[in-house]
Amino acid sequence: MKKLSLFLSLAALASLAACEKETVELKEPSAPAANAQASGDALTGSNWHLTALTGTWNSGTGPVTTDVLFTVKPYTRDNQIQYNADGTYVENEGATKGNPADPQQISGTWKLSTTRDSLTVTLPGVVRRYAVTELSPTALRLTETNGVDKAKATIFTSVFTH
């Protein structure tokens, strides 16, 4: 009987301890960013330029990945892209242009998903959606799938650096 009362006493003590309020110190939340683009800090601040481009498709015996950067014209490879913290996007034509009459800059907007796994760029007349497979202060890797049928689709992976 003494063991039972000792057990009940310990159980009552444990239940009281469990009811005790736990004090958790909360930090003041940081001030909200000026806009929803703040989660893309690694994306903003410097110009990006294309340094690698691959294409992957199903060859029938499995996926094949090939370097296709050589297919990009030199006047496109020298372009620079800037993602601004206010959500604006600017693509600068660089030193060379395919057509001298083309504008030096094309402007639009960008939005990085809250999970940082997709990027949408909106330019006049076109919306581009990319999967973000790498985003660091020094590298941006985007993939884009062309084609509805996954078995026949081509996946392009673009790598940008500063």
N, C-alpha and C. Protein backbone atom coordinates (compact mmCIF):
# COMPACT_ATOMS: atom_id res chain seq x y z
N MET A 1 0.81 -1.18 0.00
CA MET A 1 0.00 0.00 0.00
C MET A 1 0.87 1.26 0.00
N LYS A 2 2.00 1.20 0.75
CA LYS A 2 2.90 2.34 0.78
C LYS A 2 3.46 2.62 -0.62
N LYS A 3 3.72 1.54 -1.35
CA LYS A 3 4.25 1.72 -2.71
C LYS A 3 3.22 2.40 -3.60
N LEU A 4 1.95 2.03 -3.43
CA LEU A 4 0.90 2.62 -4.24
C LEU A 4 0.74 4.11 -3.94
N SER A 5 0.77 4.47 -2.64
CA SER A 5 0.63 5.89 -2.29
C SER A 5 1.85 6.69 -2.74
N LEU A 6 3.03 6.08 -2.69
CA LEU A 6 4.24 6.74 -3.18
C LEU A 6 4.13 6.96 -4.68
N PHE A 7 3.65 5.94 -5.39
CA PHE A 7 3.47 6.04 -6.84
C PHE A 7 2.47 7.14 -7.19
N LEU A 8 1.33 7.18 -6.45
CA LEU A 8 0.31 8.20 -6.71
C LEU A 8 0.85 9.60 -6.40
N SER A 9 1.66 9.72 -5.38
CA SER A 9 2.24 11.02 -5.03
C SER A 9 3.17 11.49 -6.13
N LEU A 10 3.99 10.57 -6.62
CA LEU A 10 4.91 10.92 -7.71
C LEU A 10 4.13 11.28 -8.98
N ALA A 11 3.06 10.56 -9.26
CA ALA A 11 2.24 10.84 -10.43
C ALA A 11 1.59 12.20 -10.31
N ALA A 12 1.09 12.53 -9.10
CA ALA A 12 0.47 13.84 -8.89
C ALA A 12 1.51 14.95 -9.05
N LEU A 13 2.71 14.74 -8.53
CA LEU A 13 3.78 15.73 -8.65
C LEU A 13 4.15 15.93 -10.12
N ALA A 14 4.23 14.83 -10.85
CA ALA A 14 4.57 14.91 -12.27
C ALA A 14 3.48 15.65 -13.04
N SER A 15 2.22 15.41 -12.71
CA SER A 15 1.15 16.10 -13.43
C SER A 15 1.14 17.58 -13.11
N LEU A 16 1.50 17.95 -11.87
CA LEU A 16 1.59 19.37 -11.52
C LEU A 16 2.73 20.02 -12.28
N ALA A 17 3.83 19.31 -12.38
CA ALA A 17 4.98 19.85 -13.11
C ALA A 17 4.62 20.04 -14.58
N ALA A 18 3.82 19.13 -15.12
CA ALA A 18 3.42 19.23 -16.51
C ALA A 18 2.48 20.41 -16.73
N CYS A 19 1.73 20.81 -15.72
CA CYS A 19 0.80 21.93 -15.84
C CYS A 19 1.50 23.27 -15.67
N GLU A 20 2.71 23.26 -15.18
CA GLU A 20 3.43 24.50 -14.97
C GLU A 20 3.63 25.20 -16.31
N LYS A 21 3.40 26.50 -16.34
CA LYS A 21 3.55 27.25 -17.58
C LYS A 21 5.02 27.32 -17.96
N GLU A 22 5.26 27.13 -19.21
CA GLU A 22 6.63 27.22 -19.71
C GLU A 22 6.83 28.62 -20.26
N THR A 23 7.86 29.27 -19.84
CA THR A 23 8.15 30.61 -20.31
C THR A 23 9.12 30.51 -21.47
N VAL A 24 8.70 31.06 -22.59
CA VAL A 24 9.53 31.06 -23.78
C VAL A 24 9.76 32.51 -24.16
N GLU A 25 11.02 32.86 -24.31
CA GLU A 25 11.34 34.23 -24.69
C GLU A 25 11.26 34.33 -26.21
N LEU A 26 10.43 35.24 -26.66
CA LEU A 26 10.26 35.45 -28.09
C LEU A 26 11.03 36.69 -28.51
N LYS A 27 11.70 36.58 -29.62
CA LYS A 27 12.39 37.73 -30.18
C LYS A 27 11.38 38.61 -30.89
N GLU A 28 11.65 39.89 -30.90
CA GLU A 28 10.83 40.81 -31.67
C GLU A 28 10.96 40.42 -33.14
N PRO A 29 9.87 40.33 -33.85
CA PRO A 29 10.01 40.02 -35.28
C PRO A 29 10.75 41.15 -35.98
N SER A 30 11.55 40.75 -36.94
CA SER A 30 12.27 41.77 -37.70
C SER A 30 11.28 42.55 -38.53
N ALA A 31 11.64 43.74 -38.86
CA ALA A 31 10.74 44.59 -39.65
C ALA A 31 10.49 43.92 -40.99
N PRO A 32 9.25 43.92 -41.45
CA PRO A 32 8.97 43.30 -42.75
C PRO A 32 9.71 44.01 -43.86
N ALA A 33 10.06 43.26 -44.85
CA ALA A 33 10.76 43.83 -46.00
C ALA A 33 9.82 44.77 -46.74
N ALA A 34 10.39 45.63 -47.51
CA ALA A 34 9.59 46.61 -48.23
C ALA A 34 8.64 45.93 -49.21
N ASN A 35 8.97 44.72 -49.64
CA ASN A 35 8.09 44.01 -50.57
C ASN A 35 8.30 42.51 -50.43
N ALA A 36 7.52 41.76 -51.18
CA ALA A 36 7.56 40.30 -51.08
C ALA A 36 8.81 39.70 -51.70
N GLN A 37 9.63 40.49 -52.36
CA GLN A 37 10.81 39.96 -53.02
C GLN A 37 11.98 39.72 -52.06
N ALA A 38 11.82 40.09 -50.79
CA ALA A 38 12.93 40.01 -49.84
C ALA A 38 13.51 38.60 -49.73
N SER A 39 12.70 37.59 -49.98
CA SER A 39 13.21 36.23 -49.89
C SER A 39 14.22 35.93 -51.00
N GLY A 40 14.35 36.81 -51.95
CA GLY A 40 15.29 36.62 -53.05
C GLY A 40 16.56 37.43 -52.89
N ASP A 41 16.97 37.70 -51.66
CA ASP A 41 18.17 38.51 -51.43
C ASP A 41 19.37 38.01 -52.22
N ALA A 42 19.55 36.70 -52.33
CA ALA A 42 20.69 36.16 -53.08
C ALA A 42 20.57 36.46 -54.56
N LEU A 43 19.37 36.76 -55.00
CA LEU A 43 19.12 37.02 -56.41
C LEU A 43 19.42 38.47 -56.78
N THR A 44 19.24 39.37 -55.84
CA THR A 44 19.37 40.80 -56.12
C THR A 44 20.76 41.31 -55.79
N GLY A 45 21.05 42.49 -56.31
CA GLY A 45 22.28 43.17 -55.92
C GLY A 45 23.38 43.17 -56.96
N SER A 46 23.46 42.19 -57.82
CA SER A 46 24.52 42.13 -58.84
C SER A 46 23.94 41.63 -60.15
N ASN A 47 24.65 41.91 -61.22
CA ASN A 47 24.24 41.42 -62.54
C ASN A 47 24.60 39.96 -62.70
N TRP A 48 23.74 39.22 -63.35
CA TRP A 48 23.97 37.81 -63.67
C TRP A 48 24.23 37.68 -65.16
N HIS A 49 25.08 36.72 -65.53
CA HIS A 49 25.25 36.42 -66.95
C HIS A 49 25.31 34.91 -67.14
N LEU A 50 24.86 34.48 -68.29
CA LEU A 50 24.77 33.06 -68.61
C LEU A 50 26.17 32.47 -68.78
N THR A 51 26.46 31.40 -68.04
CA THR A 51 27.77 30.75 -68.15
C THR A 51 27.69 29.29 -68.59
N ALA A 52 26.50 28.70 -68.53
CA ALA A 52 26.34 27.31 -68.98
C ALA A 52 24.89 27.09 -69.38
N LEU A 53 24.69 26.21 -70.34
CA LEU A 53 23.35 25.85 -70.80
C LEU A 53 23.39 24.41 -71.29
N THR A 54 22.53 23.58 -70.72
CA THR A 54 22.44 22.19 -71.17
C THR A 54 21.00 21.87 -71.55
N GLY A 55 20.86 20.88 -72.40
CA GLY A 55 19.56 20.36 -72.78
C GLY A 55 19.51 18.88 -72.45
N THR A 56 18.41 18.43 -71.88
CA THR A 56 18.23 17.01 -71.54
C THR A 56 16.94 16.53 -72.18
N TRP A 57 16.99 15.40 -72.85
CA TRP A 57 15.81 14.82 -73.46
C TRP A 57 15.93 13.31 -73.42
N ASN A 58 14.81 12.65 -73.66
CA ASN A 58 14.77 11.20 -73.65
C ASN A 58 15.15 10.70 -75.04
N SER A 59 16.22 9.92 -75.10
CA SER A 59 16.70 9.41 -76.39
C SER A 59 16.05 8.09 -76.78
N GLY A 60 15.18 7.58 -75.94
CA GLY A 60 14.59 6.27 -76.19
C GLY A 60 15.28 5.21 -75.35
N THR A 61 16.57 5.40 -75.07
CA THR A 61 17.30 4.47 -74.20
C THR A 61 17.59 5.10 -72.84
N GLY A 62 17.07 6.31 -72.66
CA GLY A 62 17.28 7.01 -71.40
C GLY A 62 17.59 8.47 -71.65
N PRO A 63 17.69 9.24 -70.58
CA PRO A 63 17.94 10.67 -70.75
C PRO A 63 19.35 10.95 -71.25
N VAL A 64 19.45 11.94 -72.11
CA VAL A 64 20.73 12.39 -72.65
C VAL A 64 20.84 13.88 -72.34
N THR A 65 21.98 14.29 -71.79
CA THR A 65 22.23 15.70 -71.50
C THR A 65 23.39 16.17 -72.34
N THR A 66 23.21 17.30 -73.00
CA THR A 66 24.22 17.84 -73.89
C THR A 66 24.42 19.33 -73.62
N ASP A 67 25.67 19.76 -73.71
CA ASP A 67 25.98 21.18 -73.60
C ASP A 67 25.46 21.87 -74.86
N VAL A 68 24.60 22.86 -74.70
CA VAL A 68 24.06 23.57 -75.85
C VAL A 68 24.37 25.07 -75.80
N LEU A 69 25.30 25.46 -74.96
CA LEU A 69 25.66 26.88 -74.85
C LEU A 69 26.17 27.41 -76.19
N PHE A 70 26.83 26.55 -76.96
CA PHE A 70 27.37 26.98 -78.26
C PHE A 70 26.27 27.45 -79.21
N THR A 71 25.02 27.06 -78.96
CA THR A 71 23.92 27.47 -79.84
C THR A 71 23.44 28.89 -79.54
N VAL A 72 23.86 29.43 -78.40
CA VAL A 72 23.46 30.78 -78.02
C VAL A 72 24.39 31.77 -78.72
N LYS A 73 23.81 32.70 -79.44
CA LYS A 73 24.60 33.68 -80.18
C LYS A 73 25.45 34.53 -79.23
N PRO A 74 26.65 34.92 -79.66
CA PRO A 74 27.53 35.74 -78.81
C PRO A 74 26.88 37.02 -78.33
N TYR A 75 26.04 37.63 -79.17
CA TYR A 75 25.38 38.86 -78.76
C TYR A 75 24.31 38.62 -77.69
N THR A 76 23.92 37.39 -77.49
CA THR A 76 23.01 37.06 -76.39
C THR A 76 23.80 36.65 -75.15
N ARG A 77 24.92 35.97 -75.36
CA ARG A 77 25.73 35.52 -74.22
C ARG A 77 26.33 36.66 -73.42
N ASP A 78 26.49 37.83 -74.02
CA ASP A 78 27.07 38.94 -73.25
C ASP A 78 26.00 39.76 -72.52
N ASN A 79 24.75 39.34 -72.62
CA ASN A 79 23.67 40.04 -71.91
C ASN A 79 23.83 39.88 -70.40
N GLN A 80 23.38 40.89 -69.69
CA GLN A 80 23.41 40.86 -68.22
C GLN A 80 21.99 41.04 -67.70
N ILE A 81 21.68 40.29 -66.64
CA ILE A 81 20.35 40.34 -66.05
C ILE A 81 20.47 40.85 -64.63
N GLN A 82 19.57 41.76 -64.30
CA GLN A 82 19.56 42.30 -62.94
C GLN A 82 18.16 42.12 -62.35
N TYR A 83 18.11 41.49 -61.17
CA TYR A 83 16.89 41.34 -60.40
C TYR A 83 16.96 42.37 -59.28
N ASN A 84 16.08 43.35 -59.32
CA ASN A 84 16.09 44.40 -58.31
C ASN A 84 15.20 44.03 -57.14
N ALA A 85 15.54 44.53 -55.96
CA ALA A 85 14.81 44.22 -54.73
C ALA A 85 13.34 44.65 -54.79
N ASP A 86 13.03 45.62 -55.64
CA ASP A 86 11.64 46.08 -55.74
C ASP A 86 10.80 45.22 -56.68
N GLY A 87 11.37 44.11 -57.17
CA GLY A 87 10.63 43.20 -58.04
C GLY A 87 10.74 43.52 -59.51
N THR A 88 11.57 44.50 -59.87
CA THR A 88 11.75 44.80 -61.28
C THR A 88 12.92 43.99 -61.84
N TYR A 89 12.83 43.73 -63.11
CA TYR A 89 13.79 42.89 -63.84
C TYR A 89 14.32 43.72 -65.00
N VAL A 90 15.63 43.72 -65.20
CA VAL A 90 16.22 44.45 -66.32
C VAL A 90 17.22 43.53 -67.01
N GLU A 91 17.03 43.36 -68.31
CA GLU A 91 18.00 42.61 -69.11
C GLU A 91 18.71 43.62 -70.00
N ASN A 92 20.03 43.72 -69.82
CA ASN A 92 20.85 44.65 -70.58
C ASN A 92 21.49 43.89 -71.73
N GLU A 93 21.40 44.42 -72.93
CA GLU A 93 21.92 43.77 -74.12
C GLU A 93 23.43 43.58 -74.13
N GLY A 94 24.16 44.22 -73.26
CA GLY A 94 25.61 44.06 -73.26
C GLY A 94 26.25 44.86 -74.38
N ALA A 95 27.51 44.53 -74.66
CA ALA A 95 28.29 45.30 -75.63
C ALA A 95 27.85 45.07 -77.07
N THR A 96 27.32 43.89 -77.37
CA THR A 96 26.92 43.59 -78.75
C THR A 96 25.43 43.30 -78.82
N LYS A 97 24.86 43.60 -79.98
CA LYS A 97 23.43 43.36 -80.22
C LYS A 97 23.27 42.60 -81.53
N GLY A 98 22.23 41.80 -81.61
CA GLY A 98 21.91 41.12 -82.86
C GLY A 98 21.42 42.10 -83.89
N ASN A 99 20.70 43.12 -83.45
CA ASN A 99 20.18 44.15 -84.33
C ASN A 99 20.43 45.50 -83.64
N PRO A 100 21.21 46.37 -84.25
CA PRO A 100 21.52 47.66 -83.62
C PRO A 100 20.29 48.47 -83.24
N ALA A 101 19.15 48.22 -83.89
CA ALA A 101 17.92 48.95 -83.58
C ALA A 101 17.23 48.44 -82.33
N ASP A 102 17.64 47.25 -81.84
CA ASP A 102 17.03 46.70 -80.62
C ASP A 102 17.31 47.62 -79.43
N PRO A 103 16.37 47.68 -78.49
CA PRO A 103 16.62 48.50 -77.30
C PRO A 103 17.79 47.93 -76.48
N GLN A 104 18.51 48.80 -75.79
CA GLN A 104 19.64 48.36 -74.96
C GLN A 104 19.15 47.56 -73.76
N GLN A 105 17.98 47.92 -73.24
CA GLN A 105 17.45 47.22 -72.07
C GLN A 105 16.00 46.81 -72.29
N ILE A 106 15.67 45.67 -71.70
CA ILE A 106 14.29 45.20 -71.67
C ILE A 106 13.93 45.10 -70.19
N SER A 107 12.81 45.69 -69.82
CA SER A 107 12.40 45.70 -68.41
C SER A 107 11.14 44.89 -68.21
N GLY A 108 11.01 44.36 -67.01
CA GLY A 108 9.83 43.61 -66.63
C GLY A 108 9.80 43.46 -65.13
N THR A 109 9.18 42.38 -64.68
CA THR A 109 9.10 42.10 -63.25
C THR A 109 9.50 40.66 -62.99
N TRP A 110 9.83 40.36 -61.74
CA TRP A 110 10.16 39.00 -61.35
C TRP A 110 9.51 38.69 -60.01
N LYS A 111 9.26 37.39 -59.78
CA LYS A 111 8.71 36.95 -58.50
C LYS A 111 9.27 35.57 -58.19
N LEU A 112 9.86 35.47 -57.02
CA LEU A 112 10.38 34.20 -56.52
C LEU A 112 9.33 33.61 -55.60
N SER A 113 9.03 32.31 -55.76
CA SER A 113 8.02 31.70 -54.90
C SER A 113 8.50 31.73 -53.45
N THR A 114 7.56 31.63 -52.53
CA THR A 114 7.91 31.67 -51.11
C THR A 114 8.80 30.50 -50.71
N THR A 115 8.71 29.40 -51.43
CA THR A 115 9.57 28.25 -51.15
C THR A 115 10.89 28.32 -51.90
N ARG A 116 11.07 29.39 -52.69
CA ARG A 116 12.30 29.65 -53.44
C ARG A 116 12.61 28.56 -54.46
N ASP A 117 11.58 27.86 -54.93
CA ASP A 117 11.82 26.79 -55.90
C ASP A 117 11.31 27.12 -57.30
N SER A 118 10.72 28.30 -57.47
CA SER A 118 10.32 28.70 -58.82
C SER A 118 10.44 30.22 -58.96
N LEU A 119 10.72 30.62 -60.18
CA LEU A 119 10.92 32.03 -60.51
C LEU A 119 10.06 32.34 -61.73
N THR A 120 9.30 33.43 -61.64
CA THR A 120 8.49 33.89 -62.76
C THR A 120 9.01 35.25 -63.20
N VAL A 121 9.33 35.36 -64.47
CA VAL A 121 9.80 36.62 -65.05
C VAL A 121 8.75 37.05 -66.07
N THR A 122 8.27 38.27 -65.92
CA THR A 122 7.26 38.82 -66.82
C THR A 122 7.87 39.96 -67.61
N LEU A 123 7.89 39.80 -68.91
CA LEU A 123 8.41 40.81 -69.84
C LEU A 123 7.27 41.22 -70.76
N PRO A 124 7.41 42.31 -71.48
CA PRO A 124 6.33 42.70 -72.40
C PRO A 124 5.99 41.56 -73.37
N GLY A 125 4.78 41.08 -73.28
CA GLY A 125 4.31 40.05 -74.20
C GLY A 125 4.70 38.62 -73.86
N VAL A 126 5.43 38.38 -72.77
CA VAL A 126 5.85 37.01 -72.45
C VAL A 126 6.01 36.83 -70.93
N VAL A 127 5.62 35.64 -70.47
CA VAL A 127 5.82 35.25 -69.08
C VAL A 127 6.65 33.97 -69.09
N ARG A 128 7.76 33.99 -68.39
CA ARG A 128 8.63 32.81 -68.33
C ARG A 128 8.62 32.26 -66.91
N ARG A 129 8.44 30.94 -66.80
CA ARG A 129 8.44 30.29 -65.50
C ARG A 129 9.58 29.27 -65.46
N TYR A 130 10.38 29.36 -64.40
CA TYR A 130 11.54 28.49 -64.25
C TYR A 130 11.48 27.78 -62.91
N ALA A 131 12.02 26.57 -62.87
CA ALA A 131 12.27 25.90 -61.60
C ALA A 131 13.65 26.35 -61.13
N VAL A 132 13.76 26.71 -59.87
CA VAL A 132 15.05 27.14 -59.32
C VAL A 132 15.67 25.92 -58.65
N THR A 133 16.79 25.45 -59.20
CA THR A 133 17.46 24.29 -58.61
C THR A 133 18.68 24.68 -57.80
N GLU A 134 19.12 25.93 -57.95
CA GLU A 134 20.21 26.45 -57.12
C GLU A 134 20.10 27.96 -57.07
N LEU A 135 20.19 28.49 -55.86
CA LEU A 135 20.22 29.94 -55.69
C LEU A 135 21.15 30.24 -54.52
N SER A 136 22.29 30.81 -54.86
CA SER A 136 23.27 31.19 -53.85
C SER A 136 23.78 32.58 -54.22
N PRO A 137 24.58 33.19 -53.38
CA PRO A 137 25.09 34.51 -53.73
C PRO A 137 25.95 34.52 -55.00
N THR A 138 26.43 33.37 -55.44
CA THR A 138 27.31 33.33 -56.61
C THR A 138 26.77 32.53 -57.79
N ALA A 139 25.70 31.77 -57.62
CA ALA A 139 25.19 30.94 -58.72
C ALA A 139 23.67 30.88 -58.72
N LEU A 140 23.11 30.89 -59.91
CA LEU A 140 21.68 30.74 -60.13
C LEU A 140 21.51 29.68 -61.20
N ARG A 141 20.81 28.61 -60.86
CA ARG A 141 20.56 27.51 -61.81
C ARG A 141 19.05 27.39 -61.99
N LEU A 142 18.62 27.58 -63.24
CA LEU A 142 17.20 27.54 -63.58
C LEU A 142 16.95 26.43 -64.58
N THR A 143 15.81 25.76 -64.43
CA THR A 143 15.42 24.76 -65.43
C THR A 143 14.06 25.14 -66.00
N GLU A 144 13.93 24.83 -67.27
CA GLU A 144 12.69 25.10 -67.99
C GLU A 144 12.38 23.88 -68.84
N THR A 145 11.15 23.40 -68.75
CA THR A 145 10.74 22.23 -69.53
C THR A 145 9.93 22.67 -70.73
N ASN A 146 10.37 22.24 -71.91
CA ASN A 146 9.65 22.55 -73.15
C ASN A 146 8.98 21.28 -73.65
N GLY A 147 7.69 21.33 -73.79
CA GLY A 147 6.93 20.18 -74.27
C GLY A 147 5.95 19.72 -73.21
N VAL A 148 4.79 19.31 -73.65
CA VAL A 148 3.75 18.87 -72.74
C VAL A 148 3.96 17.42 -72.33
N ASP A 149 4.33 16.58 -73.27
CA ASP A 149 4.54 15.16 -73.01
C ASP A 149 5.90 14.98 -72.35
N LYS A 150 5.90 14.55 -71.09
CA LYS A 150 7.16 14.41 -70.35
C LYS A 150 8.15 13.48 -71.04
N ALA A 151 7.64 12.46 -71.72
CA ALA A 151 8.53 11.51 -72.39
C ALA A 151 9.26 12.16 -73.57
N LYS A 152 8.67 13.22 -74.13
CA LYS A 152 9.28 13.87 -75.29
C LYS A 152 9.79 15.27 -74.98
N ALA A 153 9.65 15.71 -73.75
CA ALA A 153 10.02 17.08 -73.37
C ALA A 153 11.54 17.25 -73.34
N THR A 154 11.95 18.47 -73.56
CA THR A 154 13.35 18.84 -73.41
C THR A 154 13.46 19.75 -72.19
N ILE A 155 14.40 19.46 -71.35
CA ILE A 155 14.62 20.26 -70.15
C ILE A 155 15.90 21.05 -70.36
N PHE A 156 15.78 22.36 -70.31
CA PHE A 156 16.94 23.22 -70.45
C PHE A 156 17.35 23.71 -69.06
N THR A 157 18.63 23.60 -68.77
CA THR A 157 19.18 24.08 -67.51
C THR A 157 20.16 25.20 -67.81
N SER A 158 19.86 26.37 -67.28
CA SER A 158 20.72 27.55 -67.47
C SER A 158 21.43 27.86 -66.16
N VAL A 159 22.72 28.13 -66.26
CA VAL A 159 23.51 28.50 -65.09
C VAL A 159 23.99 29.93 -65.28
N PHE A 160 23.71 30.76 -64.29
CA PHE A 160 24.11 32.16 -64.31
C PHE A 160 25.06 32.41 -63.14
N THR A 161 26.06 33.25 -63.37
CA THR A 161 26.97 33.65 -62.31
C THR A 161 27.18 35.15 -62.40
N HIS A 162 27.88 35.70 -61.41
CA HIS A 162 28.16 37.15 -61.41
C HIS A 162 29.43 37.42 -62.17
